[in-house]
Amino acid sequence: MEKKGYRPRIAQWAFTYQRKDFRHDVIAGFTVGSMLAPQAMAYALLAGLPPETGLYASILPALAYALFGSSRQLAVGPVAIMSLLTASAVGTVAQEGESSYAEAAALLALMIGAFHILMAIGRLDFLTRFLSHSVLVGFVAGAAIITGLSQTSHLLGIRTARKSRLLDMGGELIRHLSEMHFLTFLIGVLAIAGLILLKKRAPHLPGALIVTAASAALIGVAKLEEQGVRTVGNMPEGFPSFSLPTFHTGLMADLLPSAIIITLISFMESSAISNVFARRHGYQVHQTQELTGLGAANLVSGIVGGFPVSGGFARSAVTDDAGARTLGSSLVSAAVVTAVLLFFTSLLAPLPNAALSAIVIVSVSKLVDIKELRHIAKIDSKDFATALITLFTTLFLGVELGLLIGVIIGFFRRSPGVQVPEHSPATPDTALSSPHPQNPGNPTETVPSTAAAPQQNPQQTSQPVAH
């Protein structure tokens, strides 16, 4: 759904904003902001970075997208898959916990931002069509399993070396299992149970915020930190200094393959989400603006010491369900996270790492989409085989190599006569959400896939991967 011409949303919004939209935007902004703060900290932990970097990556990058993007509902910020890919890429060139690790993550965000801008200039959005739906279903399922396993060390209260392959991770956990800290494990299990219960019984409440606040209060009152429960500890208040990371040519060369892969996944994911909501509300998105918006968001994230960001389905769905009508809701949600960063970081010091890990685990649990795998198997057995190969290579060979193998197989699976959809289905980001996007006016009505068409061919399936 491409629209000619380039008109940044801020230019449209500033001159057409109506007073009646203010209340809706404020409510949506506060709702998303309360969800974003604890999620962002959890995804920073997943990326191997300090929790505050998640907050850094949630404020100005979201505003940068609002200035240049074209979607009214897309919420840009830290997401699970991007965090996992960041950890996988940066973990090969730097040691987690060292300043060089954070600098490499920021450099990766800058590179990804630059690639998005180059794709916008060259109108290269068609490149995402090489990522077929079956490849993405398998990749996201494998990445979700790896993501969940990567958080078990925090959940168990043990220290393990960061690994990116299933067997290596399993071996690390087995070797250190005897060191499990029971209180930490109990807090993690209770946090998972609380998140699931709140999602089922009170889906409109900010479950992540409630669970993190309750767990932090428990640690502070009972002084469980003195009994060995690990917490996020003291975080610096206020904004970080604005600076560019050092551009080491060797480091950039090492990060280059990962930057290209993450760029394609980020755009495909965000494009699918923005098209879902554009079709729901009857407006058009401009792919060049989407690339520019994502590029600006990642460039800003790199400058403020963040890490790669993308559009997330969970927060986008919450934004829409809460009634957001303009980018004003993004300004409010950014203000909420800014307030946390400026005034409330001291209250987050007793927040246990196990609670943040619980947020990640529950969020990615729905990404192993068995229903969609069965659907693919019914449509085309070769597509199903492609999805399974991608899934298992992601598990046993690593996320990047697994995706690369899946893309190669998917490329050779395409026949010259196959019609490629304008927008391939993608993987809306992780959520404590239903398996498929729903119409807020009718909870039983699912939104059509961004690539749904009256006639399907063996290379297409009818539903996007839930995320």
Protein backbone atom coordinates (compact mmCIF):
# COMPACT_ATOMS: atom_id res chain seq x y z
CA MET A 1 0.00 0.00 0.00
CA GLU A 2 2.35 2.64 -1.21
CA LYS A 3 1.53 6.29 -1.44
CA LYS A 4 3.54 8.66 -3.62
CA GLY A 5 5.10 11.72 -2.13
CA TYR A 6 6.97 12.25 1.11
CA ARG A 7 5.19 14.08 3.88
CA PRO A 8 6.49 13.44 7.40
CA ARG A 9 3.72 12.80 9.88
CA ILE A 10 4.81 15.67 12.09
CA ALA A 11 3.97 18.10 9.26
CA GLN A 12 0.47 16.65 8.92
CA TRP A 13 -0.13 16.28 12.66
CA ALA A 14 1.04 19.72 13.77
CA PHE A 15 -1.41 21.55 11.52
CA THR A 16 -4.41 19.24 11.73
CA TYR A 17 -4.45 18.19 15.40
CA GLN A 18 -7.92 18.35 16.92
CA ARG A 19 -8.76 18.92 20.57
CA LYS A 20 -11.05 15.87 20.63
CA ASP A 21 -8.04 13.61 19.98
CA PHE A 22 -6.13 14.83 23.04
CA ARG A 23 -7.89 12.65 25.63
CA HIS A 24 -7.53 9.50 23.52
CA ASP A 25 -3.84 10.16 22.88
CA VAL A 26 -3.09 10.81 26.55
CA ILE A 27 -4.83 7.61 27.71
CA ALA A 28 -3.10 5.53 25.02
CA GLY A 29 0.27 7.12 25.77
CA PHE A 30 0.08 6.43 29.50
CA THR A 31 -1.08 2.86 28.84
CA VAL A 32 1.77 2.10 26.45
CA GLY A 33 4.35 3.94 28.56
CA SER A 34 3.49 1.87 31.64
CA MET A 35 3.93 -1.28 29.56
CA LEU A 36 7.06 -0.08 27.79
CA ALA A 37 9.28 0.79 30.77
CA PRO A 38 9.53 -2.71 32.32
CA GLN A 39 9.56 -4.41 28.89
CA ALA A 40 12.41 -2.23 27.68
CA MET A 41 14.50 -3.05 30.75
CA ALA A 42 13.82 -6.76 30.23
CA TYR A 43 14.84 -6.62 26.57
CA ALA A 44 18.04 -4.76 27.47
CA LEU A 45 18.87 -7.62 29.83
CA LEU A 46 18.18 -10.05 26.98
CA ALA A 47 20.58 -8.11 24.75
CA GLY A 48 23.29 -8.42 27.43
CA LEU A 49 23.13 -4.73 28.33
CA PRO A 50 22.35 -2.79 31.53
CA PRO A 51 18.60 -2.24 32.09
CA GLU A 52 18.82 1.54 31.66
CA THR A 53 19.89 1.13 28.01
CA GLY A 54 16.41 -0.23 27.33
CA LEU A 55 14.96 3.04 28.62
CA TYR A 56 17.40 5.03 26.48
CA ALA A 57 16.25 3.07 23.42
CA SER A 58 12.58 3.73 24.20
CA ILE A 59 12.38 7.52 24.24
CA LEU A 60 14.12 9.43 21.46
CA PRO A 61 14.06 6.53 18.95
CA ALA A 62 10.26 6.37 19.26
CA LEU A 63 10.04 10.12 18.68
CA ALA A 64 12.40 9.87 15.70
CA TYR A 65 10.10 7.32 14.09
CA ALA A 66 7.11 9.54 14.85
CA LEU A 67 8.77 12.37 12.93
CA PHE A 68 9.56 10.38 9.79
CA GLY A 69 7.41 7.22 9.71
CA SER A 70 3.96 6.87 8.17
CA SER A 71 2.09 4.52 10.52
CA ARG A 72 -0.20 6.06 13.14
CA GLN A 73 -0.14 3.02 15.43
CA LEU A 74 3.32 1.44 15.04
CA ALA A 75 5.18 1.55 18.37
CA VAL A 76 8.94 1.51 17.82
CA GLY A 77 11.38 0.50 20.54
CA PRO A 78 13.19 -2.52 22.00
CA VAL A 79 11.71 -5.88 20.94
CA ALA A 80 12.65 -9.46 21.82
CA ILE A 81 13.93 -10.72 18.46
CA MET A 82 16.06 -7.62 17.88
CA SER A 83 17.52 -7.97 21.39
CA LEU A 84 18.38 -11.63 20.79
CA LEU A 85 20.02 -10.85 17.44
CA THR A 86 21.94 -8.01 19.07
CA ALA A 87 23.28 -10.33 21.75
CA SER A 88 24.21 -12.90 19.12
CA ALA A 89 26.03 -10.35 16.95
CA VAL A 90 27.77 -8.33 19.66
CA GLY A 91 28.65 -11.40 21.73
CA THR A 92 31.07 -12.51 19.01
CA VAL A 93 33.12 -9.28 19.12
CA ALA A 94 32.97 -8.15 22.76
CA GLN A 95 32.65 -9.50 26.27
CA GLU A 96 29.34 -8.90 28.01
CA GLY A 97 29.69 -6.46 30.91
CA GLU A 98 32.56 -4.52 29.36
CA SER A 99 32.25 -1.01 27.94
CA SER A 100 33.24 -2.32 24.52
CA TYR A 101 30.10 -4.48 24.49
CA ALA A 102 27.75 -1.51 24.93
CA GLU A 103 29.75 0.48 22.38
CA ALA A 104 29.48 -2.35 19.85
CA ALA A 105 25.70 -2.54 20.40
CA ALA A 106 25.38 1.20 19.78
CA LEU A 107 27.54 0.92 16.66
CA LEU A 108 25.34 -1.93 15.43
CA ALA A 109 22.26 0.30 15.84
CA LEU A 110 23.96 3.05 13.83
CA MET A 111 24.85 0.61 11.04
CA ILE A 112 21.29 -0.73 10.93
CA GLY A 113 19.93 2.82 10.83
CA ALA A 114 22.26 3.68 7.95
CA PHE A 115 21.18 0.57 6.00
CA HIS A 116 17.51 1.51 6.48
CA ILE A 117 18.22 4.98 5.08
CA LEU A 118 20.15 3.53 2.13
CA MET A 119 17.26 1.16 1.41
CA ALA A 120 14.88 4.13 1.46
CA ILE A 121 17.06 6.12 -0.93
CA GLY A 122 17.47 3.16 -3.28
CA ARG A 123 13.83 1.99 -2.86
CA LEU A 124 15.09 -1.48 -1.95
CA ASP A 125 12.10 -2.59 0.12
CA PHE A 126 11.62 -5.48 -2.33
CA LEU A 127 14.64 -7.23 -0.78
CA THR A 128 12.49 -8.38 2.14
CA ARG A 129 10.58 -10.65 -0.24
CA PHE A 130 13.46 -13.11 -0.06
CA LEU A 131 12.35 -13.82 3.52
CA SER A 132 9.44 -16.19 2.87
CA HIS A 133 6.69 -16.78 5.40
CA SER A 134 7.68 -20.38 6.10
CA VAL A 135 11.28 -19.32 6.78
CA LEU A 136 10.10 -16.66 9.22
CA VAL A 137 7.74 -19.03 11.04
CA GLY A 138 10.61 -21.49 11.60
CA PHE A 139 13.13 -18.81 12.46
CA VAL A 140 10.89 -17.01 14.98
CA ALA A 141 9.99 -20.31 16.67
CA GLY A 142 13.66 -21.28 17.01
CA ALA A 143 14.66 -17.79 18.14
CA ALA A 144 11.87 -17.83 20.73
CA ILE A 145 13.14 -21.09 22.23
CA ILE A 146 16.70 -19.75 22.32
CA THR A 147 15.43 -16.52 23.90
CA GLY A 148 13.52 -18.36 26.60
CA LEU A 149 16.46 -20.61 27.43
CA SER A 150 18.80 -17.63 27.58
CA GLN A 151 16.72 -16.25 30.45
CA THR A 152 16.70 -19.40 32.59
CA SER A 153 20.00 -18.50 34.21
CA HIS A 154 18.44 -15.30 35.63
CA LEU A 155 15.35 -17.28 36.57
CA LEU A 156 17.43 -19.85 38.47
CA GLY A 157 19.79 -17.29 39.97
CA ILE A 158 22.91 -18.83 38.44
CA ARG A 159 25.72 -17.38 36.37
CA THR A 160 26.42 -19.01 33.02
CA ALA A 161 28.43 -18.07 29.96
CA ARG A 162 26.27 -16.61 27.19
CA LYS A 163 25.73 -19.18 24.44
CA SER A 164 23.67 -19.01 21.25
CA ARG A 165 23.17 -22.69 20.40
CA LEU A 166 20.73 -25.08 22.05
CA LEU A 167 23.23 -27.80 23.03
CA ASP A 168 25.75 -25.28 24.37
CA MET A 169 23.07 -23.54 26.42
CA GLY A 170 21.79 -26.84 27.76
CA GLY A 171 25.28 -27.88 28.74
CA GLU A 172 25.90 -24.62 30.58
CA LEU A 173 22.65 -24.94 32.52
CA ILE A 174 23.34 -28.55 33.51
CA ARG A 175 26.86 -27.68 34.72
CA HIS A 176 25.59 -24.88 36.96
CA LEU A 177 22.22 -26.32 38.00
CA SER A 178 23.52 -27.27 41.44
CA GLU A 179 24.11 -23.53 42.09
CA MET A 180 20.40 -22.71 41.75
CA HIS A 181 19.17 -20.07 44.20
CA PHE A 182 15.77 -21.20 45.48
CA LEU A 183 14.42 -17.77 46.48
CA THR A 184 15.31 -16.33 43.06
CA PHE A 185 13.63 -19.28 41.34
CA LEU A 186 10.52 -18.85 43.48
CA ILE A 187 10.28 -15.15 42.63
CA GLY A 188 10.67 -15.93 38.94
CA VAL A 189 7.95 -18.59 38.99
CA LEU A 190 5.58 -16.28 40.87
CA ALA A 191 6.28 -13.52 38.35
CA ILE A 192 5.49 -15.83 35.43
CA ALA A 193 2.29 -16.98 37.14
CA GLY A 194 1.30 -13.37 37.85
CA LEU A 195 1.86 -12.29 34.24
CA ILE A 196 -0.20 -15.18 32.87
CA LEU A 197 -2.98 -14.67 35.41
CA LEU A 198 -3.22 -10.93 34.75
CA LYS A 199 -3.28 -11.52 31.00
CA LYS A 200 -6.19 -13.94 31.34
CA ARG A 201 -8.21 -12.23 34.07
CA ALA A 202 -7.40 -8.53 33.55
CA PRO A 203 -5.95 -8.10 30.04
CA HIS A 204 -6.42 -4.32 30.06
CA LEU A 205 -4.17 -3.83 33.09
CA PRO A 206 -0.40 -3.27 32.61
CA GLY A 207 0.63 -6.72 33.80
CA ALA A 208 4.37 -6.19 33.37
CA LEU A 209 4.28 -2.99 35.40
CA ILE A 210 2.21 -4.58 38.18
CA VAL A 211 4.49 -7.62 38.42
CA THR A 212 7.71 -5.60 38.41
CA ALA A 213 6.36 -3.15 41.02
CA ALA A 214 5.16 -5.98 43.26
CA SER A 215 8.41 -7.92 43.00
CA ALA A 216 10.51 -4.82 43.66
CA ALA A 217 8.38 -4.02 46.71
CA LEU A 218 8.75 -7.57 47.98
CA ILE A 219 12.53 -7.49 47.62
CA GLY A 220 12.75 -4.09 49.32
CA VAL A 221 10.47 -4.88 52.26
CA ALA A 222 11.77 -8.40 52.94
CA LYS A 223 15.39 -7.38 52.18
CA LEU A 224 15.79 -10.47 50.00
CA GLU A 225 18.75 -8.91 48.23
CA GLU A 226 20.74 -9.63 51.40
CA GLN A 227 19.79 -13.29 50.97
CA GLY A 228 21.32 -13.51 47.49
CA VAL A 229 18.51 -12.42 45.17
CA ARG A 230 20.12 -10.49 42.30
CA THR A 231 18.55 -7.18 41.36
CA VAL A 232 19.11 -4.53 38.70
CA GLY A 233 20.79 -2.35 41.34
CA ASN A 234 21.39 1.37 41.12
CA MET A 235 20.85 2.89 37.69
CA PRO A 236 22.07 6.31 36.56
CA GLU A 237 19.36 8.96 36.57
CA GLY A 238 18.72 11.24 33.61
CA PHE A 239 19.66 11.03 29.96
CA PRO A 240 23.01 9.68 28.83
CA SER A 241 25.49 11.92 27.09
CA PHE A 242 24.99 12.16 23.34
CA SER A 243 28.02 10.75 21.56
CA LEU A 244 28.94 8.60 18.60
CA PRO A 245 30.69 5.27 19.22
CA THR A 246 34.15 4.85 17.80
CA PHE A 247 34.06 3.68 14.19
CA HIS A 248 36.57 0.82 14.13
CA THR A 249 36.71 -0.55 10.58
CA GLY A 250 37.54 -4.05 11.82
CA LEU A 251 34.62 -4.05 14.24
CA MET A 252 32.27 -2.73 11.58
CA ALA A 253 33.39 -5.48 9.19
CA ASP A 254 32.65 -8.09 11.87
CA LEU A 255 29.19 -6.63 12.50
CA LEU A 256 28.33 -6.11 8.83
CA PRO A 257 26.59 -9.47 8.09
CA SER A 258 24.50 -9.20 11.26
CA ALA A 259 23.59 -5.59 10.51
CA ILE A 260 22.28 -6.53 7.06
CA ILE A 261 20.22 -9.45 8.40
CA ILE A 262 18.76 -7.43 11.28
CA THR A 263 17.90 -4.56 8.93
CA LEU A 264 15.85 -6.84 6.67
CA ILE A 265 14.08 -8.55 9.56
CA SER A 266 13.36 -5.22 11.26
CA PHE A 267 11.80 -3.69 8.17
CA MET A 268 9.79 -6.78 7.26
CA GLU A 269 8.43 -7.06 10.79
CA SER A 270 7.54 -3.38 11.06
CA SER A 271 6.09 -3.21 7.56
CA ALA A 272 3.73 -6.11 8.25
CA ILE A 273 2.51 -4.56 11.50
CA SER A 274 1.98 -1.10 10.02
CA ASN A 275 0.03 -2.56 7.09
CA VAL A 276 -2.25 -4.51 9.44
CA PHE A 277 -3.29 -1.33 11.25
CA ALA A 278 -3.39 0.78 8.08
CA ARG A 279 -5.90 -1.62 6.52
CA ARG A 280 -7.90 -1.70 9.72
CA HIS A 281 -8.24 2.09 9.80
CA GLY A 282 -8.39 2.78 6.07
CA TYR A 283 -5.22 4.73 5.40
CA GLN A 284 -2.00 4.08 3.49
CA VAL A 285 1.59 3.58 4.58
CA HIS A 286 4.55 4.72 2.53
CA GLN A 287 7.36 2.16 2.52
CA THR A 288 10.04 4.78 1.87
CA GLN A 289 8.84 6.70 4.93
CA GLU A 290 8.78 3.48 6.96
CA LEU A 291 12.41 2.80 6.06
CA THR A 292 13.34 6.39 6.83
CA GLY A 293 11.51 6.30 10.15
CA LEU A 294 13.15 3.04 11.23
CA GLY A 295 16.51 4.34 10.07
CA ALA A 296 16.13 7.54 12.10
CA ALA A 297 15.04 5.55 15.16
CA ASN A 298 18.09 3.29 15.04
CA LEU A 299 20.49 6.15 14.35
CA VAL A 300 19.18 8.01 17.39
CA SER A 301 19.32 4.83 19.49
CA GLY A 302 22.99 4.42 18.61
CA ILE A 303 23.75 8.04 19.48
CA VAL A 304 22.09 7.83 22.94
CA GLY A 305 23.84 4.56 23.85
CA GLY A 306 20.95 2.23 23.05
CA PHE A 307 20.73 -0.80 20.78
CA PRO A 308 18.78 -1.83 17.65
CA VAL A 309 15.04 -1.13 17.77
CA SER A 310 12.06 -2.06 15.64
CA GLY A 311 8.28 -1.97 15.54
CA GLY A 312 6.55 -4.25 18.03
CA PHE A 313 3.11 -5.77 17.61
CA ALA A 314 2.26 -5.95 21.32
CA ARG A 315 2.70 -2.26 22.03
CA SER A 316 1.24 -1.29 18.65
CA ALA A 317 -1.88 -3.33 19.43
CA VAL A 318 -2.14 -1.74 22.88
CA THR A 319 -1.74 1.71 21.30
CA ASP A 320 -4.57 0.97 18.90
CA ASP A 321 -6.85 -0.67 21.48
CA ALA A 322 -6.34 2.26 23.85
CA GLY A 323 -7.70 4.60 21.18
CA ALA A 324 -4.59 6.44 19.94
CA ARG A 325 -5.43 8.71 17.03
CA THR A 326 -2.20 10.60 16.31
CA LEU A 327 1.51 10.57 17.10
CA GLY A 328 0.60 12.52 20.22
CA SER A 329 0.29 9.16 22.00
CA SER A 330 3.96 8.48 21.19
CA LEU A 331 4.90 11.79 22.80
CA VAL A 332 2.99 10.86 25.96
CA SER A 333 4.47 7.34 26.21
CA ALA A 334 7.95 8.79 25.70
CA ALA A 335 7.20 11.29 28.48
CA VAL A 336 6.19 8.44 30.81
CA VAL A 337 9.48 6.59 30.22
CA THR A 338 11.37 9.86 30.56
CA ALA A 339 9.76 10.42 33.96
CA VAL A 340 10.88 6.93 35.04
CA LEU A 341 14.40 7.67 33.88
CA LEU A 342 14.56 11.08 35.57
CA PHE A 343 12.76 10.50 38.85
CA PHE A 344 12.10 6.85 39.63
CA THR A 345 15.25 4.85 38.89
CA SER A 346 16.01 4.65 42.61
CA LEU A 347 12.70 2.83 43.11
CA LEU A 348 13.74 0.25 40.52
CA ALA A 349 16.98 -0.69 42.29
CA PRO A 350 15.42 -3.65 44.18
CA LEU A 351 13.78 -5.00 41.00
CA PRO A 352 14.90 -8.67 40.70
CA ASN A 353 16.46 -9.86 37.45
CA ALA A 354 14.21 -12.91 37.70
CA ALA A 355 11.11 -10.72 37.24
CA LEU A 356 12.55 -9.14 34.11
CA SER A 357 13.41 -12.60 32.78
CA ALA A 358 9.84 -13.69 33.49
CA ILE A 359 8.58 -10.84 31.28
CA VAL A 360 10.76 -12.04 28.41
CA ILE A 361 9.84 -15.71 28.84
CA VAL A 362 6.10 -15.06 28.93
CA SER A 363 6.37 -12.63 26.02
CA VAL A 364 8.14 -15.07 23.69
CA SER A 365 6.14 -18.13 24.73
CA LYS A 366 3.54 -17.50 22.02
CA LEU A 367 6.13 -17.27 19.26
CA VAL A 368 6.40 -21.04 18.87
CA ASP A 369 3.29 -21.09 16.69
CA ILE A 370 2.33 -24.75 16.40
CA LYS A 371 -1.01 -23.81 14.84
CA GLU A 372 0.71 -21.92 12.04
CA LEU A 373 3.19 -24.77 11.45
CA ARG A 374 0.25 -27.13 11.03
CA HIS A 375 -1.36 -24.67 8.67
CA ILE A 376 1.79 -24.55 6.52
CA ALA A 377 1.98 -28.36 6.53
CA LYS A 378 -1.55 -28.56 5.11
CA ILE A 379 -0.80 -26.01 2.39
CA ASP A 380 2.56 -27.34 1.18
CA SER A 381 4.78 -30.06 2.60
CA LYS A 382 7.93 -28.50 1.10
CA ASP A 383 7.20 -25.18 2.79
CA PHE A 384 6.68 -27.10 6.02
CA ALA A 385 10.06 -28.79 5.54
CA THR A 386 11.63 -25.36 4.95
CA ALA A 387 10.12 -24.07 8.19
CA LEU A 388 11.36 -27.10 10.16
CA ILE A 389 14.87 -26.90 8.68
CA THR A 390 15.04 -23.21 9.57
CA LEU A 391 13.76 -23.92 13.08
CA PHE A 392 16.26 -26.67 13.83
CA THR A 393 19.25 -24.95 12.22
CA THR A 394 18.40 -21.86 14.30
CA LEU A 395 18.37 -24.01 17.43
CA PHE A 396 21.53 -26.01 16.74
CA LEU A 397 23.67 -23.68 14.58
CA GLY A 398 22.67 -20.25 15.92
CA VAL A 399 20.11 -17.62 14.98
CA GLU A 400 22.01 -15.92 12.17
CA LEU A 401 23.25 -19.08 10.44
CA GLY A 402 19.83 -20.67 10.87
CA LEU A 403 18.11 -17.74 9.19
CA LEU A 404 20.70 -17.65 6.40
CA ILE A 405 20.20 -21.34 5.63
CA GLY A 406 16.43 -20.86 5.65
CA VAL A 407 16.68 -17.91 3.25
CA ILE A 408 18.88 -19.90 0.86
CA ILE A 409 16.49 -22.85 0.87
CA GLY A 410 13.50 -20.53 0.45
CA PHE A 411 15.21 -18.76 -2.45
CA PHE A 412 15.80 -21.98 -4.36
CA ARG A 413 12.29 -23.14 -3.53
CA ARG A 414 10.81 -20.24 -5.52
CA SER A 415 9.87 -21.07 -9.09
CA PRO A 416 9.94 -18.48 -11.90
CA GLY A 417 6.14 -18.48 -12.15
CA VAL A 418 5.43 -17.82 -8.48
CA GLN A 419 3.88 -14.46 -7.71
CA VAL A 420 5.59 -12.71 -4.81
CA PRO A 421 3.19 -10.74 -2.58
CA GLU A 422 3.66 -7.00 -2.29
CA HIS A 423 4.22 -7.35 1.45
CA SER A 424 5.23 -10.72 2.79
CA PRO A 425 3.82 -11.75 6.16
CA ALA A 426 6.18 -10.99 8.96
CA THR A 427 6.59 -11.46 12.63
CA PRO A 428 4.83 -8.86 14.73
CA ASP A 429 6.82 -8.52 17.89
CA THR A 430 6.51 -10.41 21.06
CA ALA A 431 3.52 -9.82 23.23
CA LEU A 432 1.42 -10.95 26.07
CA SER A 433 -1.18 -11.02 23.35
CA SER A 434 -3.44 -13.29 21.39
CA PRO A 435 -1.94 -15.43 18.61
CA HIS A 436 -3.40 -13.18 15.93
CA PRO A 437 -4.18 -9.45 15.90
CA GLN A 438 -7.75 -8.69 16.77
CA ASN A 439 -10.19 -5.98 15.92
CA PRO A 440 -10.73 -4.03 19.17
CA GLY A 441 -14.37 -3.57 18.29
CA ASN A 442 -14.86 -7.31 17.91
CA PRO A 443 -12.47 -9.43 19.99
CA THR A 444 -13.30 -12.53 17.97
CA GLU A 445 -12.42 -10.97 14.63
CA THR A 446 -8.83 -11.44 13.52
CA VAL A 447 -7.19 -8.94 11.24
CA PRO A 448 -6.24 -10.33 7.83
CA SER A 449 -2.65 -11.00 7.00
CA THR A 450 -0.76 -8.21 5.34
CA ALA A 451 -0.24 -10.53 2.40
CA ALA A 452 -3.62 -12.19 2.33
CA ALA A 453 -5.01 -12.59 -1.17
CA PRO A 454 -8.02 -14.27 -2.72
CA GLN A 455 -5.81 -16.81 -4.45
CA GLN A 456 -3.05 -18.50 -2.53
CA ASN A 457 -0.10 -20.30 -3.98
CA PRO A 458 2.13 -22.86 -2.32
CA GLN A 459 4.61 -20.20 -1.30
CA GLN A 460 2.01 -18.24 0.70
CA THR A 461 0.10 -18.88 3.81
CA SER A 462 -2.87 -16.94 5.04
CA GLN A 463 -1.81 -15.81 8.50
CA PRO A 464 1.05 -13.74 9.86
CA VAL A 465 3.17 -15.13 12.61
CA ALA A 466 2.03 -13.89 15.98
CA HIS A 467 4.67 -12.24 18.06
